[in-house]
Amino acid sequence: MRNLFFRYIVPTIKYLLISLALLYAADWSAFEIRLARGTALGSVPVEQYMMTPLKGYKVEYDYLGKVNENCSMTAFPQYAASAWNPPCWWLKRHNQNWQ
């Protein structure tokens, strides 16, 4: 059993991590090229809500409105404009922000 682990599973994990690192490096390189051209960032409208605790363990939910949030047009989150920007594909699916 131990021989099976070191023979198959450890190399599989190693190559998977290497592949993930190369994929992120390629994504970052494409992001930097697009950032230089001015087409790397997008914006997605996000609904904002605020939870306010009340007496008796009750909670009030307040709608704050829609705000445009910046996102990167990449597969992974990227750092630009002094903030981490989530990918646009992820932000479109998670378009509600609770505070």
C-alpha atoms as a PDB file:
ATOM      1  CA  MET A   1       0.000   0.000   0.000  1.00  0.00           C
ATOM      2  CA  ARG A   2       2.793   2.411   0.854  1.00  0.00           C
ATOM      3  CA  ASN A   3       4.559   1.556  -2.394  1.00  0.00           C
ATOM      4  CA  LEU A   4       1.369   2.359  -4.322  1.00  0.00           C
ATOM      5  CA  PHE A   5       1.149   5.753  -2.615  1.00  0.00           C
ATOM      6  CA  PHE A   6       4.713   6.788  -3.455  1.00  0.00           C
ATOM      7  CA  ARG A   7       4.615   5.292  -6.915  1.00  0.00           C
ATOM      8  CA  TYR A   8       1.372   6.762  -8.258  1.00  0.00           C
ATOM      9  CA  ILE A   9      -0.265   9.289  -5.979  1.00  0.00           C
ATOM     10  CA  VAL A  10       2.729  11.479  -5.097  1.00  0.00           C
ATOM     11  CA  PRO A  11       3.823  11.987  -8.737  1.00  0.00           C
ATOM     12  CA  THR A  12       0.205  12.680  -9.727  1.00  0.00           C
ATOM     13  CA  ILE A  13      -0.077  15.388  -7.076  1.00  0.00           C
ATOM     14  CA  LYS A  14       3.298  16.811  -8.086  1.00  0.00           C
ATOM     15  CA  TYR A  15       2.363  17.071 -11.784  1.00  0.00           C
ATOM     16  CA  LEU A  16      -1.036  18.482 -10.913  1.00  0.00           C
ATOM     17  CA  LEU A  17       0.563  21.271  -8.848  1.00  0.00           C
ATOM     18  CA  ILE A  18       3.093  22.002 -11.597  1.00  0.00           C
ATOM     19  CA  SER A  19       0.296  22.175 -14.177  1.00  0.00           C
ATOM     20  CA  LEU A  20      -1.711  24.506 -11.953  1.00  0.00           C
ATOM     21  CA  ALA A  21       1.308  26.795 -11.471  1.00  0.00           C
ATOM     22  CA  LEU A  22       1.952  26.913 -15.229  1.00  0.00           C
ATOM     23  CA  LEU A  23      -1.715  27.628 -15.928  1.00  0.00           C
ATOM     24  CA  TYR A  24      -1.718  30.494 -13.401  1.00  0.00           C
ATOM     25  CA  ALA A  25       1.518  31.888 -14.899  1.00  0.00           C
ATOM     26  CA  ALA A  26       0.003  31.838 -18.393  1.00  0.00           C
ATOM     27  CA  ASP A  27      -3.182  33.474 -17.084  1.00  0.00           C
ATOM     28  CA  TRP A  28      -1.157  36.169 -15.295  1.00  0.00           C
ATOM     29  CA  SER A  29       0.935  36.828 -18.428  1.00  0.00           C
ATOM     30  CA  ALA A  30      -2.162  37.247 -20.577  1.00  0.00           C
ATOM     31  CA  PHE A  31      -3.661  39.513 -17.902  1.00  0.00           C
ATOM     32  CA  GLU A  32      -0.567  41.745 -17.836  1.00  0.00           C
ATOM     33  CA  ILE A  33      -0.613  42.069 -21.642  1.00  0.00           C
ATOM     34  CA  ARG A  34      -4.309  42.958 -21.610  1.00  0.00           C
ATOM     35  CA  LEU A  35      -3.743  45.361 -18.693  1.00  0.00           C
ATOM     36  CA  ALA A  36      -1.142  47.227 -20.751  1.00  0.00           C
ATOM     37  CA  ARG A  37      -3.687  47.522 -23.578  1.00  0.00           C
ATOM     38  CA  GLY A  38      -6.448  48.600 -21.177  1.00  0.00           C
ATOM     39  CA  THR A  39      -8.791  45.646 -21.762  1.00  0.00           C
ATOM     40  CA  ALA A  40      -8.029  43.455 -18.734  1.00  0.00           C
ATOM     41  CA  LEU A  41     -10.592  44.772 -16.267  1.00  0.00           C
ATOM     42  CA  GLY A  42     -14.363  44.751 -16.485  1.00  0.00           C
ATOM     43  CA  SER A  43     -17.162  45.622 -14.119  1.00  0.00           C
ATOM     44  CA  VAL A  44     -20.204  43.706 -12.924  1.00  0.00           C
ATOM     45  CA  PRO A  45     -23.244  45.169 -11.125  1.00  0.00           C
ATOM     46  CA  VAL A  46     -23.447  43.699  -7.607  1.00  0.00           C
ATOM     47  CA  GLU A  47     -26.381  44.026  -5.222  1.00  0.00           C
ATOM     48  CA  GLN A  48     -25.369  45.021  -1.703  1.00  0.00           C
ATOM     49  CA  TYR A  49     -27.250  44.068   1.440  1.00  0.00           C
ATOM     50  CA  MET A  50     -26.607  44.821   5.091  1.00  0.00           C
ATOM     51  CA  MET A  51     -27.627  42.617   8.021  1.00  0.00           C
ATOM     52  CA  THR A  52     -28.448  44.600  11.159  1.00  0.00           C
ATOM     53  CA  PRO A  53     -28.785  42.690  14.443  1.00  0.00           C
ATOM     54  CA  LEU A  54     -31.819  43.607  16.548  1.00  0.00           C
ATOM     55  CA  LYS A  55     -33.011  42.735  20.037  1.00  0.00           C
ATOM     56  CA  GLY A  56     -34.239  39.218  20.688  1.00  0.00           C
ATOM     57  CA  TYR A  57     -31.765  37.592  18.269  1.00  0.00           C
ATOM     58  CA  LYS A  58     -33.619  39.019  15.280  1.00  0.00           C
ATOM     59  CA  VAL A  59     -31.951  40.341  12.143  1.00  0.00           C
ATOM     60  CA  GLU A  60     -33.063  43.098   9.791  1.00  0.00           C
ATOM     61  CA  TYR A  61     -31.992  42.919   6.143  1.00  0.00           C
ATOM     62  CA  ASP A  62     -31.480  46.244   4.343  1.00  0.00           C
ATOM     63  CA  TYR A  63     -31.051  46.616   0.588  1.00  0.00           C
ATOM     64  CA  LEU A  64     -28.299  49.166  -0.160  1.00  0.00           C
ATOM     65  CA  GLY A  65     -28.575  49.185  -3.958  1.00  0.00           C
ATOM     66  CA  LYS A  66     -26.429  48.120  -6.881  1.00  0.00           C
ATOM     67  CA  VAL A  67     -22.764  48.974  -7.202  1.00  0.00           C
ATOM     68  CA  ASN A  68     -20.383  48.237 -10.079  1.00  0.00           C
ATOM     69  CA  GLU A  69     -17.411  46.181  -8.869  1.00  0.00           C
ATOM     70  CA  ASN A  70     -14.203  45.719 -10.849  1.00  0.00           C
ATOM     71  CA  CYS A  71     -13.286  42.251 -12.019  1.00  0.00           C
ATOM     72  CA  SER A  72     -10.506  40.712 -14.089  1.00  0.00           C
ATOM     73  CA  MET A  73     -11.271  38.936 -17.347  1.00  0.00           C
ATOM     74  CA  THR A  74      -9.168  35.915 -16.414  1.00  0.00           C
ATOM     75  CA  ALA A  75      -9.563  32.397 -15.056  1.00  0.00           C
ATOM     76  CA  PHE A  76      -7.955  33.173 -11.677  1.00  0.00           C
ATOM     77  CA  PRO A  77      -8.122  36.212  -9.348  1.00  0.00           C
ATOM     78  CA  GLN A  78      -5.516  38.846 -10.236  1.00  0.00           C
ATOM     79  CA  TYR A  79      -4.004  41.816  -8.415  1.00  0.00           C
ATOM     80  CA  ALA A  80      -4.477  45.152 -10.186  1.00  0.00           C
ATOM     81  CA  ALA A  81      -5.272  48.743  -9.224  1.00  0.00           C
ATOM     82  CA  SER A  82      -4.161  48.114  -5.618  1.00  0.00           C
ATOM     83  CA  ALA A  83      -6.773  45.404  -5.009  1.00  0.00           C
ATOM     84  CA  TRP A  84      -7.447  41.742  -5.665  1.00  0.00           C
ATOM     85  CA  ASN A  85      -9.997  41.482  -8.430  1.00  0.00           C
ATOM     86  CA  PRO A  86     -12.139  38.360  -8.703  1.00  0.00           C
ATOM     87  CA  PRO A  87     -12.638  36.888 -12.169  1.00  0.00           C
ATOM     88  CA  CYS A  88     -15.676  38.258 -14.007  1.00  0.00           C
ATOM     89  CA  TRP A  89     -17.111  34.764 -14.528  1.00  0.00           C
ATOM     90  CA  TRP A  90     -17.154  34.225 -10.754  1.00  0.00           C
ATOM     91  CA  LEU A  91     -18.522  37.667  -9.896  1.00  0.00           C
ATOM     92  CA  LYS A  92     -21.417  37.277 -12.357  1.00  0.00           C
ATOM     93  CA  ARG A  93     -22.485  34.114 -10.508  1.00  0.00           C
ATOM     94  CA  HIS A  94     -21.986  35.634  -7.031  1.00  0.00           C
ATOM     95  CA  ASN A  95     -23.540  39.056  -7.573  1.00  0.00           C
ATOM     96  CA  GLN A  96     -24.833  39.630  -4.027  1.00  0.00           C
ATOM     97  CA  ASN A  97     -22.645  41.196  -1.341  1.00  0.00           C
ATOM     98  CA  TRP A  98     -23.670  40.857   2.318  1.00  0.00           C
ATOM     99  CA  GLN A  99     -22.157  43.190   4.902  1.00  0.00           C
END
